[in-house]
Amino acid sequence: MPSTKFEVLLSDEALSFLRALEARRRDRVLAHIEELEADPFRPRPRADIKNCGRHHGATFYRLRVGDFRVVYVVEERQVKVTEIFRRGRGYRWLE
């Protein structure tokens, strides 16, 4: 039976942000990112998912994990995490 899992890839920028976090917060964000392997479209407790619309030809999604936001696109069976940031920064890059 073929695998229905998605492959999760993190951009260099997303990795840098994670490395700068304290271990407890990093582990929490990573745990929710890993859950995207099973279903990147379904919201889950303490990790809301929102469709942010199309930008430069791709549909972006936002995963909310406490005060952190994880922005990603889904292409085929890949979830590409493009950016992770704190809540207050906003979504100016989508304008």
Protein backbone atom coordinates (compact mmCIF):
# COMPACT_ATOMS: atom_id res chain seq x y z
CA MET A 1 0.00 0.00 0.00
CA PRO A 2 1.46 3.42 -0.92
CA SER A 3 2.35 5.81 1.88
CA THR A 4 -0.11 8.63 2.46
CA LYS A 5 2.36 10.64 4.51
CA PHE A 6 3.63 14.01 3.42
CA GLU A 7 7.32 14.85 3.47
CA VAL A 8 8.05 17.97 5.54
CA LEU A 9 10.89 20.23 4.38
CA LEU A 10 12.14 23.31 6.24
CA SER A 11 13.74 26.35 4.61
CA ASP A 12 17.08 27.63 5.87
CA GLU A 13 15.26 30.62 7.38
CA ALA A 14 12.84 28.35 9.26
CA LEU A 15 15.71 26.20 10.57
CA SER A 16 17.60 29.28 11.75
CA PHE A 17 14.56 30.52 13.64
CA LEU A 18 14.09 27.14 15.33
CA ARG A 19 17.74 26.92 16.34
CA ALA A 20 17.46 30.29 18.09
CA LEU A 21 14.53 29.17 20.26
CA GLU A 22 14.94 27.74 23.73
CA ALA A 23 14.65 23.93 23.72
CA ARG A 24 11.17 23.70 25.26
CA ARG A 25 9.61 26.05 22.71
CA ARG A 26 11.56 24.54 19.81
CA ASP A 27 10.36 21.04 20.75
CA ARG A 28 6.74 22.22 20.93
CA VAL A 29 6.85 23.90 17.51
CA LEU A 30 8.67 20.92 15.96
CA ALA A 31 6.11 18.48 17.36
CA HIS A 32 3.31 20.37 15.59
CA ILE A 33 5.33 20.65 12.38
CA GLU A 34 5.88 16.87 12.44
CA GLU A 35 2.11 16.36 12.67
CA LEU A 36 1.81 17.99 9.23
CA GLU A 37 3.19 14.72 7.80
CA ALA A 38 -0.17 13.07 8.44
CA ASP A 39 -2.44 15.90 7.26
CA PRO A 40 -1.29 19.46 6.52
CA PHE A 41 -4.86 20.72 6.05
CA ARG A 42 -6.65 19.61 9.24
CA PRO A 43 -6.63 21.89 12.31
CA ARG A 44 -5.86 20.15 15.59
CA PRO A 45 -6.01 21.09 19.27
CA ARG A 46 -3.61 23.95 20.08
CA ALA A 47 -2.51 24.13 16.45
CA ASP A 48 -4.96 25.99 14.24
CA ILE A 49 -4.43 25.86 10.46
CA LYS A 50 -5.60 28.63 8.14
CA ASN A 51 -5.51 28.98 4.37
CA CYS A 52 -3.81 32.36 3.78
CA GLY A 53 -4.62 32.44 0.08
CA ARG A 54 -2.52 32.47 -3.05
CA HIS A 55 0.70 34.44 -3.39
CA HIS A 56 3.10 34.21 -6.34
CA GLY A 57 1.17 31.22 -7.71
CA ALA A 58 1.22 29.12 -4.53
CA THR A 59 -1.37 28.61 -1.80
CA PHE A 60 0.09 29.41 1.61
CA TYR A 61 -1.10 27.96 4.91
CA ARG A 62 -0.48 29.16 8.43
CA LEU A 63 -0.08 26.84 11.40
CA ARG A 64 -0.59 28.60 14.73
CA VAL A 65 1.34 27.13 17.66
CA GLY A 66 0.87 29.38 20.68
CA ASP A 67 2.69 32.65 19.95
CA PHE A 68 4.42 31.22 16.88
CA ARG A 69 3.31 31.07 13.27
CA VAL A 70 4.53 28.49 10.78
CA VAL A 71 3.94 29.37 7.12
CA TYR A 72 4.03 26.60 4.53
CA VAL A 73 2.94 25.50 1.08
CA VAL A 74 1.82 22.03 0.01
CA GLU A 75 3.05 20.72 -3.33
CA GLU A 76 2.21 17.15 -4.30
CA ARG A 77 3.16 15.12 -1.18
CA GLN A 78 5.56 17.73 0.23
CA VAL A 79 4.94 20.32 2.93
CA LYS A 80 7.46 23.13 2.48
CA VAL A 81 7.83 25.26 5.61
CA THR A 82 8.97 28.63 4.30
CA GLU A 83 8.95 30.71 7.47
CA ILE A 84 8.46 30.61 11.23
CA PHE A 85 7.94 33.77 13.26
CA ARG A 86 6.43 35.20 16.43
CA ARG A 87 2.80 36.27 16.34
CA GLY A 88 3.36 40.04 16.49
CA ARG A 89 5.33 40.20 13.26
CA GLY A 90 2.28 39.87 11.03
CA TYR A 91 1.85 38.82 7.44
CA ARG A 92 3.15 41.85 5.57
CA TRP A 93 5.10 39.58 3.24
CA LEU A 94 1.77 38.35 1.77
CA GLU A 95 0.77 41.82 0.58
